[in-house]
Protein backbone atom coordinates (compact mmCIF):
# COMPACT_ATOMS: atom_id res chain seq x y z
CA MET A 1 0.00 0.00 0.00
CA VAL A 2 1.27 3.47 -0.92
CA ARG A 3 1.25 5.92 1.98
CA ARG A 4 0.26 9.55 1.42
CA VAL A 5 2.76 12.16 2.60
CA SER A 6 2.44 15.94 2.60
CA ARG A 7 4.07 17.58 -0.41
CA ARG A 8 5.44 20.24 1.92
CA VAL A 9 7.30 17.56 3.88
CA ASP A 10 8.68 16.17 0.62
CA LEU A 11 9.99 19.60 -0.38
CA VAL A 12 11.58 20.17 3.04
CA VAL A 13 13.35 16.81 2.93
CA ALA A 14 14.51 17.40 -0.66
CA ALA A 15 15.88 20.82 0.29
CA LEU A 16 17.69 19.40 3.32
CA CYS A 17 19.25 16.60 1.24
CA LEU A 18 20.44 19.08 -1.38
CA ALA A 19 21.79 21.47 1.26
CA LEU A 20 23.77 18.70 2.94
CA ALA A 21 25.11 17.51 -0.43
CA VAL A 22 26.28 21.04 -1.28
CA TRP A 23 27.83 21.28 2.20
CA VAL A 24 29.88 18.11 1.61
CA THR A 25 31.02 19.15 -1.89
CA GLY A 26 31.23 22.87 -1.08
CA GLY A 27 35.01 23.16 -1.48
CA MET A 28 34.69 22.57 -5.22
CA TRP A 29 31.64 24.79 -5.75
CA LEU A 30 33.86 27.78 -4.96
CA ASP A 31 35.80 27.10 -8.20
CA PRO A 32 34.84 23.91 -10.06
CA ASN A 33 37.61 24.29 -12.66
CA GLY A 34 40.31 25.35 -10.23
CA ARG A 35 39.70 23.01 -7.28
CA THR A 36 40.12 19.25 -7.06
CA ILE A 37 39.52 16.66 -4.37
CA GLU A 38 42.73 16.50 -2.38
CA VAL A 39 42.89 12.80 -1.52
CA ASN A 40 41.73 11.46 -4.89
CA SER A 41 42.47 13.90 -7.70
CA GLY A 42 43.46 11.01 -9.97
CA ASP A 43 40.01 9.42 -9.82
CA GLN A 44 38.38 12.81 -10.33
CA ALA A 45 40.44 13.31 -13.49
CA LEU A 46 39.41 9.82 -14.68
CA PHE A 47 35.69 10.47 -14.21
CA GLU A 48 36.03 13.87 -15.90
CA TRP A 49 37.69 12.12 -18.83
CA LEU A 50 34.86 9.55 -19.00
CA LEU A 51 32.28 12.35 -19.04
CA ALA A 52 34.21 14.19 -21.76
CA TYR A 53 34.70 11.09 -23.87
CA GLY A 54 31.02 10.11 -23.55
CA ALA A 55 29.95 13.59 -24.66
CA HIS A 56 32.44 13.44 -27.54
CA ALA A 57 31.16 10.00 -28.58
CA VAL A 58 27.63 11.39 -28.72
CA ARG A 59 28.77 14.33 -30.85
CA VAL A 60 30.75 12.36 -33.42
CA GLY A 61 29.04 8.97 -33.24
CA GLU A 62 31.94 6.95 -31.80
CA ASP A 63 31.67 3.76 -29.73
CA PRO A 64 31.09 4.91 -26.12
CA LEU A 65 32.42 1.62 -24.68
CA PHE A 66 35.69 1.12 -26.55
CA THR A 67 38.24 3.77 -27.49
CA HIS A 68 41.61 4.04 -29.19
CA LEU A 69 42.13 7.56 -27.87
CA LEU A 70 43.75 6.11 -24.71
CA ASN A 71 46.54 3.53 -24.58
CA VAL A 72 47.32 4.09 -28.25
CA PRO A 73 47.62 1.98 -30.37
CA ILE A 74 45.90 -0.86 -28.44
CA GLY A 75 42.96 1.05 -26.97
CA VAL A 76 40.84 0.59 -23.84
CA ASN A 77 37.77 -1.50 -23.15
CA LEU A 78 35.62 0.94 -21.18
CA ALA A 79 33.00 -1.73 -20.46
CA VAL A 80 35.40 -3.38 -17.98
CA ASN A 81 36.05 0.02 -16.45
CA THR A 82 33.61 2.29 -14.64
CA SER A 83 32.42 3.91 -17.84
CA ILE A 84 29.35 5.76 -16.36
CA THR A 85 28.00 5.83 -19.92
CA VAL A 86 24.45 6.79 -18.93
CA TYR A 87 25.73 9.82 -17.02
CA ALA A 88 28.10 10.81 -19.83
CA VAL A 89 25.30 10.73 -22.42
CA ALA A 90 22.57 12.30 -20.24
CA PHE A 91 24.80 15.18 -19.15
CA ALA A 92 26.54 15.69 -22.51
CA PRO A 93 24.93 19.14 -23.07
CA LEU A 94 26.24 20.32 -19.70
CA THR A 95 29.71 19.01 -20.54
CA TRP A 96 29.70 20.76 -23.92
CA ALA A 97 28.60 24.04 -22.34
CA PHE A 98 30.68 24.17 -19.15
CA GLY A 99 33.30 21.43 -19.34
CA PRO A 100 33.76 18.09 -17.56
CA PRO A 101 34.79 19.51 -14.12
CA VAL A 102 31.41 21.24 -13.76
CA THR A 103 29.52 18.14 -14.92
CA PHE A 104 31.50 16.01 -12.48
CA LEU A 105 30.61 18.29 -9.57
CA VAL A 106 26.93 18.50 -10.50
CA ILE A 107 26.61 14.71 -10.72
CA LEU A 108 28.49 14.14 -7.46
CA THR A 109 26.26 16.60 -5.61
CA LEU A 110 23.06 15.23 -7.13
CA ASN A 111 24.13 11.67 -6.35
CA LEU A 112 24.26 12.43 -2.63
CA ALA A 113 21.08 14.50 -2.57
CA ALA A 114 19.09 12.05 -4.73
CA THR A 115 20.21 9.08 -2.63
CA GLY A 116 18.91 10.71 0.54
CA TYR A 117 15.59 11.66 -1.03
CA ALA A 118 15.08 8.32 -2.82
CA TRP A 119 15.49 6.39 0.43
CA TYR A 120 13.17 8.83 2.21
CA TRP A 121 10.58 8.32 -0.54
CA LEU A 122 10.80 4.53 -0.44
CA LEU A 123 10.69 4.38 3.36
CA SER A 124 7.77 6.79 3.70
CA ARG A 125 5.68 5.49 0.77
CA HIS A 126 6.33 1.76 0.62
CA LEU A 127 8.16 0.50 3.72
CA GLY A 128 5.84 1.83 6.40
CA ALA A 129 8.05 4.45 8.07
CA SER A 130 6.74 7.81 9.23
CA PRO A 131 7.90 10.89 7.27
CA TRP A 132 10.20 11.93 10.12
CA GLY A 133 11.59 8.40 10.48
CA ALA A 134 12.02 8.12 6.72
CA ALA A 135 13.91 11.44 6.65
CA VAL A 136 16.31 10.18 9.33
CA GLY A 137 16.82 6.87 7.53
CA GLY A 138 17.29 8.55 4.16
CA ARG A 139 19.78 11.02 5.58
CA PHE A 140 21.86 8.18 7.00
CA CYS A 141 21.75 6.13 3.78
CA ALA A 142 23.10 9.06 1.76
CA PHE A 143 25.57 10.60 4.21
CA ALA A 144 26.86 7.63 6.18
CA PRO A 145 30.66 7.58 6.52
CA GLY A 146 30.98 5.05 3.70
CA LEU A 147 29.15 7.29 1.23
CA VAL A 148 30.95 10.47 2.32
CA SER A 149 34.34 8.79 1.92
CA HIS A 150 33.34 7.53 -1.54
CA ALA A 151 32.28 11.08 -2.37
CA ASN A 152 36.02 11.60 -2.76
CA ALA A 153 35.53 11.43 -6.55
CA HIS A 154 33.60 8.14 -6.93
CA LEU A 155 30.63 8.94 -9.15
CA ASN A 156 29.83 5.23 -9.31
CA TRP A 157 29.58 4.39 -5.61
CA THR A 158 27.75 7.59 -4.68
CA ALA A 159 24.99 6.80 -7.20
CA GLN A 160 23.10 4.88 -4.52
CA TRP A 161 19.78 6.52 -5.47
CA LEU A 162 19.32 3.62 -7.86
CA VAL A 163 19.18 1.11 -4.98
CA PRO A 164 15.83 2.21 -3.47
CA LEU A 165 14.32 2.47 -6.96
CA ILE A 166 15.33 -1.11 -7.76
CA VAL A 167 14.03 -2.28 -4.38
CA TRP A 168 10.73 -0.50 -5.08
CA ARG A 169 10.28 -2.20 -8.45
CA LEU A 170 11.36 -5.55 -7.03
CA LEU A 171 8.68 -5.33 -4.34
CA ALA A 172 6.11 -4.40 -6.98
CA LEU A 173 6.71 -7.71 -8.80
CA ARG A 174 4.71 -9.49 -6.09
CA THR A 175 1.44 -7.97 -7.27
CA SER A 176 1.95 -6.28 -10.65
CA SER A 177 1.81 -7.84 -14.09
CA PRO A 178 5.23 -9.24 -15.13
CA TRP A 179 4.96 -7.39 -18.44
CA ARG A 180 4.25 -4.10 -16.69
CA GLY A 181 6.72 -4.23 -13.79
CA GLY A 182 9.47 -6.35 -15.33
CA PRO A 183 10.57 -3.95 -18.11
CA VAL A 184 10.89 -1.03 -15.67
CA LEU A 185 13.06 -3.10 -13.35
CA GLY A 186 15.13 -4.25 -16.33
CA VAL A 187 15.79 -0.67 -17.42
CA LEU A 188 16.88 0.28 -13.89
CA VAL A 189 19.22 -2.71 -13.79
CA ALA A 190 20.73 -1.69 -17.14
CA VAL A 191 21.23 1.88 -15.93
CA MET A 192 22.95 0.73 -12.73
CA PHE A 193 25.18 -1.65 -14.67
CA SER A 194 26.32 1.31 -16.76
CA ILE A 195 27.08 3.44 -13.72
CA ALA A 196 28.22 0.92 -11.09
CA ALA A 197 28.43 -2.69 -12.25
CA GLU A 198 30.19 -3.80 -9.07
CA GLY A 199 27.52 -2.09 -7.00
CA LEU A 200 24.80 -3.88 -8.99
CA PHE A 201 26.51 -7.20 -8.26
CA PHE A 202 26.53 -6.44 -4.54
CA LEU A 203 22.89 -5.32 -4.66
CA ALA A 204 21.84 -8.55 -6.39
CA LEU A 205 23.64 -10.58 -3.73
CA ALA A 206 22.05 -8.55 -0.93
CA LEU A 207 18.51 -8.75 -2.32
CA GLY A 208 18.92 -12.46 -2.98
CA THR A 209 20.03 -12.98 0.62
CA PHE A 210 17.16 -10.89 1.97
CA VAL A 211 14.50 -12.67 -0.13
CA LEU A 212 15.85 -16.11 0.79
CA VAL A 213 15.85 -15.36 4.54
CA TRP A 214 12.43 -13.70 4.38
CA SER A 215 11.07 -16.77 2.58
CA LEU A 216 12.30 -18.96 5.44
CA PHE A 217 10.39 -16.75 7.88
CA ARG A 218 7.22 -16.66 5.73
CA PRO A 219 7.20 -19.83 3.60
CA ALA A 220 3.46 -19.87 2.90
CA GLU A 221 3.41 -16.26 1.69
CA ALA A 222 6.59 -16.85 -0.31
CA ARG A 223 4.94 -19.72 -2.20
CA LEU A 224 1.93 -17.53 -3.00
CA VAL A 225 3.96 -14.76 -4.64
CA ALA A 226 6.77 -16.90 -6.07
CA GLY A 227 5.18 -17.38 -9.48
CA SER A 228 4.45 -13.73 -10.15
CA PHE A 229 7.78 -12.71 -8.68
CA LEU A 230 9.82 -15.11 -10.80
CA ARG A 231 7.94 -14.24 -14.00
CA GLY A 232 8.59 -10.55 -13.35
CA LEU A 233 12.28 -11.28 -12.76
CA GLY A 234 12.40 -13.19 -16.02
CA VAL A 235 10.95 -10.24 -17.96
CA ALA A 236 13.35 -7.87 -16.16
CA ALA A 237 16.31 -10.12 -17.04
CA LEU A 238 15.18 -10.25 -20.67
CA THR A 239 14.85 -6.46 -20.84
CA ALA A 240 18.23 -5.86 -19.20
CA GLY A 241 19.84 -8.53 -21.39
CA VAL A 242 18.66 -6.83 -24.58
CA LEU A 243 19.86 -3.41 -23.41
CA LEU A 244 23.18 -4.76 -22.16
CA ALA A 245 23.96 -7.29 -24.90
CA TYR A 246 26.90 -5.32 -26.31
CA PRO A 247 28.29 -4.10 -22.95
CA LEU A 248 28.12 -7.65 -21.54
CA TRP A 249 29.90 -9.05 -24.60
CA LEU A 250 32.66 -6.48 -24.21
CA HIS A 251 32.81 -7.12 -20.46
CA PHE A 252 33.26 -10.88 -20.66
CA LEU A 253 34.47 -11.61 -24.21
CA GLY A 254 35.71 -8.34 -25.71
CA PRO A 255 39.29 -7.15 -26.33
CA GLN A 256 41.36 -5.69 -23.50
CA ARG A 257 39.30 -7.45 -20.83
CA TYR A 258 40.94 -9.03 -17.79
CA ASP A 259 40.15 -11.76 -15.28
CA GLY A 260 40.37 -10.65 -11.67
CA ILE A 261 41.48 -7.41 -10.14
CA GLY A 262 45.09 -6.57 -9.42
CA PHE A 263 44.45 -5.27 -5.89
CA ASP A 264 45.26 -7.36 -2.81
CA GLN A 265 41.89 -8.39 -1.35
CA ARG A 266 43.44 -8.83 2.10
CA ILE A 267 44.40 -5.16 2.19
CA HIS A 268 41.20 -3.87 0.59
CA ALA A 269 39.07 -5.55 3.25
CA GLU A 270 37.42 -4.08 6.31
CA ASP A 271 39.35 -3.84 9.53
CA LEU A 272 37.08 -5.31 12.23
CA LYS A 273 38.04 -2.44 14.53
CA ALA A 274 36.82 0.09 11.91
CA PHE A 275 33.17 -0.79 12.56
CA GLY A 276 33.34 1.02 15.91
CA ALA A 277 35.70 3.79 14.79
CA PHE A 278 34.81 7.33 13.64
CA PRO A 279 35.51 8.62 10.11
CA ASP A 280 38.07 11.29 9.34
CA ARG A 281 35.68 13.78 7.67
CA SER A 282 33.22 14.04 10.56
CA ILE A 283 32.75 16.03 13.74
CA ALA A 284 34.32 13.19 15.73
CA GLY A 285 37.24 13.08 13.31
CA TRP A 286 37.68 16.84 13.53
CA LEU A 287 37.87 16.49 17.33
CA GLY A 288 40.57 13.83 16.97
CA PHE A 289 38.48 10.71 17.67
CA THR A 290 39.59 8.79 14.60
CA LYS A 291 42.21 6.31 13.47
CA GLN A 292 43.60 5.36 10.08
CA LEU A 293 42.08 1.90 9.65
CA ALA A 294 41.02 2.13 5.99
CA PRO A 295 43.35 1.25 3.07
CA ASN A 296 42.87 4.83 1.82
CA PRO A 297 40.63 7.85 2.62
CA THR A 298 38.07 6.88 -0.03
CA GLU A 299 37.34 3.50 1.57
CA GLU A 300 36.09 4.33 5.08
CA THR A 301 33.23 2.01 4.26
CA THR A 302 32.08 1.33 7.82
CA PHE A 303 33.36 3.68 10.60
CA PHE A 304 29.89 3.75 12.17
CA GLY A 305 31.14 4.55 15.67
CA LEU A 306 30.46 2.47 18.76
CA PRO A 307 27.42 4.54 19.93
CA LEU A 308 25.55 3.90 16.67
CA LEU A 309 26.40 0.19 16.66
CA LEU A 310 25.09 -0.21 20.20
CA LEU A 311 21.96 1.75 19.32
CA VAL A 312 21.28 -0.46 16.29
CA VAL A 313 21.54 -3.62 18.41
CA VAL A 314 19.14 -2.18 21.00
CA ALA A 315 16.82 -0.98 18.22
CA PHE A 316 16.61 -4.48 16.76
CA VAL A 317 15.63 -5.88 20.15
CA VAL A 318 13.03 -3.16 20.78
CA LEU A 319 11.50 -3.41 17.30
CA TRP A 320 11.46 -7.21 17.42
CA ARG A 321 9.52 -7.21 20.70
CA ARG A 322 6.90 -4.85 19.27
CA ALA A 323 6.63 -6.46 15.85
CA ASP A 324 4.02 -8.87 14.54
CA SER A 325 5.04 -11.90 12.47
CA ASP A 326 5.14 -9.92 9.19
CA ARG A 327 7.40 -7.25 10.64
CA ARG A 328 9.61 -9.85 12.32
CA ALA A 329 10.18 -11.54 8.99
CA VAL A 330 11.40 -8.23 7.54
CA LEU A 331 13.55 -7.43 10.57
CA GLY A 332 15.03 -10.92 10.64
CA ALA A 333 15.90 -10.80 6.95
CA LEU A 334 17.40 -7.32 7.37
CA GLY A 335 19.49 -8.33 10.36
CA ILE A 336 20.85 -11.52 8.82
CA THR A 337 21.63 -9.75 5.52
CA GLY A 338 23.50 -7.02 7.39
CA VAL A 339 25.54 -9.51 9.42
CA VAL A 340 26.36 -11.65 6.36
CA PHE A 341 27.69 -8.68 4.41
CA ALA A 342 29.54 -7.25 7.40
CA VAL A 343 31.37 -10.58 7.77
CA LEU A 344 32.07 -10.87 4.02
CA SER A 345 33.48 -7.32 4.00
CA LEU A 346 36.25 -8.49 6.34
CA GLY A 347 37.84 -10.24 3.37
CA PRO A 348 39.70 -13.56 3.24
CA ARG A 349 41.74 -13.00 6.43
CA LEU A 350 40.91 -11.26 9.69
CA LYS A 351 42.34 -7.77 10.05
CA TRP A 352 42.41 -6.00 13.42
CA ASP A 353 43.94 -2.57 14.06
CA GLY A 354 45.79 -2.66 10.76
CA VAL A 355 47.35 -6.10 11.26
CA ILE A 356 46.30 -9.02 9.03
CA HIS A 357 46.07 -12.25 11.04
CA ASP A 358 46.17 -15.77 9.66
CA VAL A 359 42.52 -16.39 10.52
CA PRO A 360 40.52 -17.52 7.46
CA LEU A 361 37.11 -15.94 6.94
CA PRO A 362 34.12 -16.87 4.72
CA PHE A 363 35.18 -14.58 1.86
CA ALA A 364 38.21 -16.83 1.31
CA LEU A 365 35.85 -19.51 -0.04
CA MET A 366 34.67 -17.25 -2.87
CA ALA A 367 37.67 -14.98 -3.48
CA HIS A 368 38.73 -16.90 -6.61
CA LEU A 369 35.26 -17.31 -8.10
CA PRO A 370 34.41 -15.34 -11.28
CA VAL A 371 33.25 -11.76 -10.54
CA PHE A 372 34.15 -12.17 -6.84
CA ASN A 373 37.82 -12.18 -7.87
CA ALA A 374 37.35 -8.67 -9.29
CA ALA A 375 35.59 -7.25 -6.20
CA LEU A 376 37.06 -5.35 -3.26
CA PRO A 377 35.67 -7.02 -0.10
CA ALA A 378 35.54 -3.81 1.96
CA ARG A 379 32.88 -2.38 -0.34
CA LEU A 380 30.50 -5.21 0.57
CA ALA A 381 30.00 -3.30 3.83
CA LEU A 382 28.12 -0.64 1.84
CA VAL A 383 25.16 -3.06 2.02
CA VAL A 384 25.16 -2.58 5.80
CA ILE A 385 24.42 1.16 5.41
CA PRO A 386 20.80 0.86 4.18
CA VAL A 387 20.21 -1.93 6.71
CA ILE A 388 21.11 0.49 9.51
CA GLY A 389 19.20 3.31 7.80
CA ILE A 390 15.99 1.24 7.65
CA VAL A 391 16.34 0.21 11.31
CA LEU A 392 16.80 3.85 12.34
CA ALA A 393 13.75 4.86 10.30
CA TYR A 394 11.58 2.24 12.03
CA LEU A 395 12.94 3.11 15.46
CA VAL A 396 12.10 6.80 15.04
CA SER A 397 8.74 5.96 13.44
CA PHE A 398 7.48 3.71 16.21
CA ARG A 399 9.26 5.12 19.28
CA ILE A 400 9.38 8.91 19.07
CA ARG A 401 11.27 9.14 22.37
CA SER A 402 14.10 7.22 20.72
CA SER A 403 14.77 10.20 18.44
CA TRP A 404 17.06 11.73 21.04
CA PHE A 405 19.20 8.59 21.19
CA VAL A 406 19.36 8.49 17.39
CA ALA A 407 20.43 12.13 17.29
CA LEU A 408 23.18 11.53 19.86
CA ALA A 409 24.47 8.47 17.99
CA LEU A 410 24.51 10.31 14.64
CA LEU A 411 25.94 13.61 15.92
CA PRO A 412 29.61 12.44 15.90
CA LEU A 413 29.10 11.27 12.30
CA VAL A 414 27.87 14.60 10.92
CA PRO A 415 30.01 15.00 7.77
CA LEU A 416 32.49 17.78 7.11
CA PRO A 417 33.19 19.15 3.61
CA LEU A 418 35.56 17.15 1.44
CA LEU A 419 39.14 18.38 1.40
CA THR A 420 40.05 20.18 -1.82
CA VAL A 421 43.20 21.78 -3.23
CA HIS A 422 44.08 24.13 -6.07
CA ARG A 423 44.43 22.55 -9.50
CA ASP A 424 46.33 24.17 -12.34
CA PRO A 425 44.20 25.16 -15.35
CA VAL A 426 44.35 23.29 -18.65
CA PRO A 427 47.24 24.80 -20.68
CA GLU A 428 46.15 27.36 -23.24
CA PHE A 429 47.86 25.24 -25.90
CA PHE A 430 45.09 22.64 -25.41
CA ALA A 431 42.23 24.83 -24.19
CA SER A 432 42.39 27.11 -27.25
CA GLY A 433 42.73 24.27 -29.76
CA GLN A 434 46.23 25.40 -30.79
CA TRP A 435 47.37 21.78 -30.67
CA ARG A 436 45.58 21.24 -34.00
CA THR A 437 48.38 23.16 -35.76
CA TYR A 438 50.82 20.39 -34.85
CA VAL A 439 48.67 17.23 -34.79
CA THR A 440 46.49 15.60 -37.42
CA ASP A 441 42.95 14.75 -36.35
CA GLY A 442 43.21 11.61 -34.22
CA GLY A 443 47.01 11.82 -34.14
CA THR A 444 49.03 11.09 -31.02
CA VAL A 445 50.17 13.64 -28.47
CA VAL A 446 52.60 12.37 -25.83
CA PRO A 447 52.01 14.41 -22.65
CA LEU A 448 54.86 14.47 -20.15
CA PRO A 449 54.90 12.66 -17.88
CA LEU A 450 52.78 9.95 -19.50
CA PRO A 451 49.25 9.92 -18.00
CA SER A 452 48.47 7.49 -15.19
CA ASP A 453 46.44 7.34 -12.00
CA LEU A 454 49.25 9.18 -10.20
CA LEU A 455 49.94 11.67 -13.02
CA PRO A 456 46.50 12.54 -14.44
CA ASP A 457 47.12 15.87 -16.17
CA GLY A 458 47.70 14.63 -19.72
CA GLN A 459 44.40 12.75 -19.66
CA ARG A 460 42.70 15.86 -18.25
CA TRP A 461 44.04 17.98 -21.12
CA GLN A 462 42.68 15.46 -23.59
CA ALA A 463 39.29 15.58 -21.82
CA SER A 464 39.20 19.35 -22.25
CA ALA A 465 39.85 19.04 -25.98
CA LEU A 466 37.21 16.32 -26.41
CA ALA A 467 34.56 18.30 -24.53
CA SER A 468 35.27 21.52 -26.40
CA GLY A 469 34.67 20.02 -29.84
CA HIS A 470 38.11 21.08 -31.09
CA GLY A 471 38.74 17.60 -32.47
CA GLU A 472 40.42 14.56 -31.02
CA PHE A 473 43.95 13.39 -30.39
CA SER A 474 45.21 10.12 -28.95
CA ILE A 475 47.54 9.68 -26.00
CA PRO A 476 49.71 6.77 -24.85
CA ALA A 477 49.05 4.98 -21.57
CA GLY A 478 46.40 6.59 -19.32
CA PHE A 479 44.40 5.84 -16.20
CA PHE A 480 42.23 2.78 -16.85
CA LEU A 481 41.93 -0.88 -15.89
CA GLY A 482 43.17 -3.40 -18.41
CA PRO A 483 45.10 -6.66 -18.79
CA GLY A 484 48.75 -7.16 -17.94
CA GLY A 485 48.70 -7.76 -14.20
CA PRO A 486 50.26 -10.75 -12.41
CA ASP A 487 48.73 -14.19 -13.06
CA GLY A 488 46.55 -12.79 -15.86
CA ARG A 489 44.77 -10.33 -13.58
CA GLY A 490 44.06 -6.70 -14.38
CA ARG A 491 46.25 -3.69 -13.66
CA ILE A 492 46.01 0.09 -13.73
CA GLY A 493 47.30 1.35 -17.06
CA PRO A 494 49.43 -0.60 -19.56
CA VAL A 495 52.67 -2.40 -18.87
CA PRO A 496 55.03 0.63 -19.09
CA ARG A 497 57.44 1.01 -21.98
CA PRO A 498 61.10 1.94 -21.26
CA THR A 499 60.74 5.64 -22.09
CA ALA A 500 57.66 5.97 -19.90
CA THR A 501 59.53 4.39 -16.97
CA LEU A 502 62.56 6.64 -17.44
CA LEU A 503 60.44 9.80 -17.45
CA TYR A 504 58.26 8.60 -14.56
CA ASP A 505 61.31 7.94 -12.37
CA ALA A 506 62.73 11.40 -13.09
CA ALA A 507 59.40 13.04 -12.24
CA GLN A 508 59.05 11.10 -8.99
CA THR A 509 62.61 11.15 -7.66
CA GLY A 510 64.02 14.37 -9.08
CA VAL A 511 67.12 12.48 -10.26
CA VAL A 512 68.14 13.11 -13.87
CA PRO A 513 69.39 9.80 -15.31
CA VAL A 514 72.43 9.43 -17.53
CA VAL A 515 70.78 9.14 -20.94
CA THR A 516 72.65 6.91 -23.38
CA ASP A 517 72.33 6.40 -27.11
CA ALA A 518 70.53 3.15 -26.32
CA ASP A 519 67.98 5.15 -24.30
CA ARG A 520 67.48 7.52 -27.22
CA ALA A 521 67.04 4.59 -29.60
CA ARG A 522 64.42 3.07 -27.30
CA ALA A 523 62.71 6.47 -27.04
CA ALA A 524 62.53 6.68 -30.86
CA GLU A 525 61.12 3.16 -30.95
CA ASP A 526 58.51 4.03 -28.31
CA LEU A 527 57.48 7.18 -30.18
CA ARG A 528 57.12 5.10 -33.31
CA TYR A 529 55.01 2.54 -31.41
CA TRP A 530 52.75 5.32 -30.11
CA ARG A 531 52.64 6.95 -33.60
CA ALA A 532 53.58 10.16 -31.84
CA GLU A 533 53.45 13.48 -33.67
CA ILE A 534 54.41 15.76 -30.78
CA VAL A 535 55.69 15.46 -27.22
CA VAL A 536 54.39 18.15 -24.84
CA LEU A 537 55.41 19.37 -21.39
CA ALA A 538 53.23 22.06 -19.81
CA ASP A 539 54.54 24.70 -17.42
CA GLN A 540 52.68 23.11 -14.50
CA VAL A 541 52.16 19.38 -13.96
CA HIS A 542 50.02 18.03 -11.13
CA GLY A 543 50.81 14.80 -9.30
CA ALA A 544 47.91 13.06 -7.56
CA LYS A 545 49.98 11.72 -4.63
CA TRP A 546 53.33 13.46 -4.82
CA THR A 547 54.91 16.64 -6.19
CA VAL A 548 56.33 16.31 -9.69
CA HIS A 549 60.02 17.22 -10.00
CA TYR A 550 59.51 19.45 -13.00
CA ASP A 551 63.13 20.44 -13.74
CA ALA A 552 64.32 16.82 -13.67
CA LEU A 553 61.48 15.81 -15.98
CA ARG A 554 62.29 18.53 -18.50
CA GLU A 555 66.04 17.81 -18.45
CA THR A 556 65.41 14.09 -19.00
CA ALA A 557 63.04 14.79 -21.89
CA THR A 558 65.59 17.15 -23.46
CA ALA A 559 68.31 14.53 -23.14
CA LEU A 560 66.04 12.01 -24.88
CA PHE A 561 64.42 14.17 -27.55
CA GLY A 562 66.74 17.16 -28.01
CA PRO A 563 66.02 20.87 -27.36
CA PRO A 564 62.29 21.72 -27.27
CA GLN A 565 60.56 24.67 -28.85
CA ARG A 566 58.33 27.07 -26.96
CA VAL A 567 54.69 27.16 -28.14
CA ALA A 568 52.15 29.18 -26.13
CA ASP A 569 52.47 27.89 -22.55
CA VAL A 570 54.09 24.49 -23.26
CA TRP A 571 57.43 23.01 -24.30
CA LEU A 572 57.06 20.98 -27.47
CA TRP A 573 59.09 18.36 -29.33
CA ARG A 574 57.99 17.38 -32.84
CA ALA A 575 58.30 13.73 -33.90
CA ALA A 576 58.25 12.71 -37.56
CA CYS A 577 56.56 9.39 -36.89
CA GLY A 578 54.75 9.34 -40.18
CA GLN A 579 58.12 8.64 -41.83
CA PRO A 580 59.94 5.29 -41.99
CA ALA A 581 62.20 6.45 -39.16
CA CYS A 582 60.77 8.21 -36.15
CA ARG A 583 63.21 10.84 -34.92
CA PRO A 584 62.40 13.74 -32.60
CA GLN A 585 62.82 17.15 -34.18
CA ALA A 586 63.42 20.42 -32.37
């Protein structure tokens, strides 16, 4: 049954969700083009590139899921990356008008706000919570520590507004016609696959666990709705399969795919102690009540704090005692699902206070299975967030006096704005389209240092050119996931070529190597492999994790390629790679 809620309440909740989202992302709203997220500028540059490339693909009719503009000449399979194709296409006009940094910021802010409102809407309309309880639950689901930490540039993981919509349509399959409800669910599944395929996998596991446990609590009712439910799922699967036929082929059978992720799943697992800890970007963290227990600042997936954990346990007991058999089935399924995913998030080995112990855990049984071998266990704990949010919503709805305890438990977790830093503008050489004087359309520009997750600027300059409509140029390497990792697993970027390694080391260490004729010969070979037409070094180069040693980089490049020429605000080396021999030219 759909519950009626005052439109005024809806507007107030929507405004509060948007205000809190702007508060969290406020550091970038001051200057979207000149500010970047401090702890994850590399991922921000990647998502800006994906938005720019998607908009470019719409404009010129290119394949949005495979490109040869990165990792030239091999290309990149974007279907096995986080391609956010739906976002890139839907927001293409905004990208064309204002550039990818603005589009990135708008989507990030709307992700947080829409997640809070979508959970409020589902809880208040379809899950039986009061408007006030639904607002509390929705606020937690959108601004829990795990979502705030992923707001450090992850447009995929912050797009949690799709979860309550999929839950809504899944519940509707019990009573609606399969041919009416199934297609809508299938479209939502296809959209989420495009934005966050890993998140969709986790959601499917969580919903499957919930439905199975609920069926054990209510077997007679489960048998009554099973037929309609399964037929609706079949129609949804058919719809999603048609929409995702090409992306799924690329994902599992296409070129440049990989089997398994290159990250260590023991490290990228939850620390058991982190469940009771406080996040860094929160009031408690600001007061010093925090500890570095996450593998990096973007993965504080739990960090619920001990007061909230204790409150949730008490809330389960209180709600269970008051509940009838129907409500107990829901609570039991919620509780077991939350515990299962909390345990799985601990990864294959127990980790406590940063130390990995030789204690095997359930995830070890599935770590090498297909799809599971490409997942980061810590992110499974994101399933726990809506479980807690729903419990809080019910607690506030049915025991108003409990609101004070909820407020006290959530107060230490009130988020602070994301940390941001200045980012150098795109060089005028690229922003103005002057590069076209030196490069044929689709030709290769070699930015120095070569683009990677730690050195994102070259990819950002390419994104600016793609979004502006000035044409397209290719670049070697780049920030993407592809094959080439140990034991056939994936890795970030390509296996580096000798020249890329030489330049990277100079940029990182500040030590200018002794460049030999053999090094110059390998550099000429690498330029020929990349089909390079020019090599470019801008006046300012941004490193995502460390400061680039600019002088050492320029001296090394000069030793390899000869004296550069000055063009606008960059140093430029011309390479005659269209000829039988590829030799740099001053």
